[in-house]
Amino acid sequence: MVLPDYILVYPMTIQVDYSMPLNLGRNVQLGRDLVGWSAMAKHMLVWDHVTNLAGFLQPTPNIYPISASIKWLATLPGVSGYSRKGAGRRPPQSSPA
């Protein structure tokens, strides 16, 4: 199956082992799925969740797997972009004088 050019496929990562890139280890099936969608669609935007839910205000411990995932996604012909949903601390707000 091939999707029309005007269709944007927008897969979202869920139930992922974030200690690994999106195409390796326990994520290998997700990687295969993304390869399959990339073959069918000319335009794909991958939405990745990268929040450290175990320590919401702590830094993201999976920066290296995220980097490897982005590099791998860039090799897929249908991937037009990557969006990540993360969390972080807001900067302190200055109080009015």
C-alpha atoms as a PDB file:
ATOM      1  CA  MET A   1       0.000   0.000   0.000  1.00  0.00           C
ATOM      2  CA  VAL A   2       1.175   3.523  -0.757  1.00  0.00           C
ATOM      3  CA  LEU A   3      -0.449   6.542   0.842  1.00  0.00           C
ATOM      4  CA  PRO A   4      -1.263   9.706  -1.135  1.00  0.00           C
ATOM      5  CA  ASP A   5       1.342  12.483  -0.894  1.00  0.00           C
ATOM      6  CA  TYR A   6      -1.025  14.726   1.071  1.00  0.00           C
ATOM      7  CA  ILE A   7      -1.258  12.271   3.995  1.00  0.00           C
ATOM      8  CA  LEU A   8       1.021  12.893   6.989  1.00  0.00           C
ATOM      9  CA  VAL A   9       1.628   9.789   9.103  1.00  0.00           C
ATOM     10  CA  TYR A  10       2.139  10.832  12.720  1.00  0.00           C
ATOM     11  CA  PRO A  11       3.149   7.783  14.786  1.00  0.00           C
ATOM     12  CA  MET A  12       3.651   8.209  18.509  1.00  0.00           C
ATOM     13  CA  THR A  13       5.976   6.126  20.649  1.00  0.00           C
ATOM     14  CA  ILE A  14       4.272   4.301  23.495  1.00  0.00           C
ATOM     15  CA  GLN A  15       5.281   1.342  25.661  1.00  0.00           C
ATOM     16  CA  VAL A  16       8.896   1.867  24.669  1.00  0.00           C
ATOM     17  CA  ASP A  17      12.093   0.916  26.454  1.00  0.00           C
ATOM     18  CA  TYR A  18      13.665   4.374  26.613  1.00  0.00           C
ATOM     19  CA  SER A  19      17.036   2.974  27.635  1.00  0.00           C
ATOM     20  CA  MET A  20      17.422   1.873  23.997  1.00  0.00           C
ATOM     21  CA  PRO A  21      17.035   3.571  20.600  1.00  0.00           C
ATOM     22  CA  LEU A  22      13.628   3.189  18.934  1.00  0.00           C
ATOM     23  CA  ASN A  23      14.860   0.405  16.637  1.00  0.00           C
ATOM     24  CA  LEU A  24      16.948  -1.769  18.984  1.00  0.00           C
ATOM     25  CA  GLY A  25      16.498  -4.179  21.888  1.00  0.00           C
ATOM     26  CA  ARG A  26      12.929  -4.411  23.148  1.00  0.00           C
ATOM     27  CA  ASN A  27      11.973  -1.688  20.645  1.00  0.00           C
ATOM     28  CA  VAL A  28      12.866  -3.718  17.558  1.00  0.00           C
ATOM     29  CA  GLN A  29       9.193  -4.272  16.607  1.00  0.00           C
ATOM     30  CA  LEU A  30       8.520  -0.533  16.841  1.00  0.00           C
ATOM     31  CA  GLY A  31      11.529   0.004  14.573  1.00  0.00           C
ATOM     32  CA  ARG A  32      10.111  -2.454  12.044  1.00  0.00           C
ATOM     33  CA  ASP A  33       6.732  -0.706  12.204  1.00  0.00           C
ATOM     34  CA  LEU A  34       8.326   2.704  11.596  1.00  0.00           C
ATOM     35  CA  VAL A  35      10.279   1.303   8.630  1.00  0.00           C
ATOM     36  CA  GLY A  36       7.018  -0.079   7.229  1.00  0.00           C
ATOM     37  CA  TRP A  37       5.164   3.218   7.622  1.00  0.00           C
ATOM     38  CA  SER A  38       8.101   5.063   6.079  1.00  0.00           C
ATOM     39  CA  ALA A  39       7.900   2.795   3.032  1.00  0.00           C
ATOM     40  CA  MET A  40       4.168   3.542   2.620  1.00  0.00           C
ATOM     41  CA  ALA A  41       4.139   7.264   3.333  1.00  0.00           C
ATOM     42  CA  LYS A  42       6.055  10.068   1.706  1.00  0.00           C
ATOM     43  CA  HIS A  43       5.673  12.234   4.823  1.00  0.00           C
ATOM     44  CA  MET A  44       6.021  10.972   8.381  1.00  0.00           C
ATOM     45  CA  LEU A  45       6.506  12.972  11.578  1.00  0.00           C
ATOM     46  CA  VAL A  46       7.546  10.842  14.561  1.00  0.00           C
ATOM     47  CA  TRP A  47       6.295  12.002  17.964  1.00  0.00           C
ATOM     48  CA  ASP A  48       8.487  10.650  20.767  1.00  0.00           C
ATOM     49  CA  HIS A  49       7.821  10.822  24.501  1.00  0.00           C
ATOM     50  CA  VAL A  50      11.070  11.358  26.389  1.00  0.00           C
ATOM     51  CA  THR A  51       9.912  12.509  29.828  1.00  0.00           C
ATOM     52  CA  ASN A  52      11.585  10.866  32.797  1.00  0.00           C
ATOM     53  CA  LEU A  53       8.374   9.895  34.580  1.00  0.00           C
ATOM     54  CA  ALA A  54      10.283   8.187  37.399  1.00  0.00           C
ATOM     55  CA  GLY A  55      11.948  11.484  38.282  1.00  0.00           C
ATOM     56  CA  PHE A  56       9.850  14.178  36.638  1.00  0.00           C
ATOM     57  CA  LEU A  57      12.084  17.104  37.617  1.00  0.00           C
ATOM     58  CA  GLN A  58      15.349  15.284  36.996  1.00  0.00           C
ATOM     59  CA  PRO A  59      17.268  15.556  33.721  1.00  0.00           C
ATOM     60  CA  THR A  60      16.476  13.109  30.949  1.00  0.00           C
ATOM     61  CA  PRO A  61      18.722  10.081  31.530  1.00  0.00           C
ATOM     62  CA  ASN A  62      18.226   8.753  28.009  1.00  0.00           C
ATOM     63  CA  ILE A  63      19.903  11.483  25.968  1.00  0.00           C
ATOM     64  CA  TYR A  64      22.172   8.990  24.143  1.00  0.00           C
ATOM     65  CA  PRO A  65      19.351   6.639  23.027  1.00  0.00           C
ATOM     66  CA  ILE A  66      17.364   9.702  21.900  1.00  0.00           C
ATOM     67  CA  SER A  67      20.349  10.824  19.811  1.00  0.00           C
ATOM     68  CA  ALA A  68      20.753   7.352  18.288  1.00  0.00           C
ATOM     69  CA  SER A  69      17.012   7.235  17.502  1.00  0.00           C
ATOM     70  CA  ILE A  70      17.110  10.601  15.719  1.00  0.00           C
ATOM     71  CA  LYS A  71      20.144   9.535  13.674  1.00  0.00           C
ATOM     72  CA  TRP A  72      18.390   6.294  12.703  1.00  0.00           C
ATOM     73  CA  LEU A  73      15.107   8.049  11.858  1.00  0.00           C
ATOM     74  CA  ALA A  74      17.021  10.417   9.563  1.00  0.00           C
ATOM     75  CA  THR A  75      17.951   7.417   7.402  1.00  0.00           C
ATOM     76  CA  LEU A  76      14.306   6.504   6.712  1.00  0.00           C
ATOM     77  CA  PRO A  77      13.113   8.050   3.443  1.00  0.00           C
ATOM     78  CA  GLY A  78       9.594   8.901   4.610  1.00  0.00           C
ATOM     79  CA  VAL A  79      10.544  10.637   7.853  1.00  0.00           C
ATOM     80  CA  SER A  80      10.078  14.375   7.395  1.00  0.00           C
ATOM     81  CA  GLY A  81      10.508  15.323  11.041  1.00  0.00           C
ATOM     82  CA  TYR A  82      10.853  14.379  14.674  1.00  0.00           C
ATOM     83  CA  SER A  83       8.978  15.881  17.595  1.00  0.00           C
ATOM     84  CA  ARG A  84       9.625  15.002  21.191  1.00  0.00           C
ATOM     85  CA  LYS A  85       7.470  15.590  24.205  1.00  0.00           C
ATOM     86  CA  GLY A  86       9.569  16.100  27.275  1.00  0.00           C
ATOM     87  CA  ALA A  87       9.288  17.899  30.538  1.00  0.00           C
ATOM     88  CA  GLY A  88      11.528  20.227  32.363  1.00  0.00           C
ATOM     89  CA  ARG A  89      11.553  22.774  35.082  1.00  0.00           C
ATOM     90  CA  ARG A  90      10.274  26.211  34.335  1.00  0.00           C
ATOM     91  CA  PRO A  91      12.747  28.991  35.031  1.00  0.00           C
ATOM     92  CA  PRO A  92      12.065  30.854  38.262  1.00  0.00           C
ATOM     93  CA  GLN A  93       9.647  33.704  37.854  1.00  0.00           C
ATOM     94  CA  SER A  94      10.717  37.042  39.193  1.00  0.00           C
ATOM     95  CA  SER A  95       8.279  38.503  41.646  1.00  0.00           C
ATOM     96  CA  PRO A  96       6.936  42.006  41.103  1.00  0.00           C
ATOM     97  CA  ALA A  97       8.706  44.672  43.134  1.00  0.00           C
END
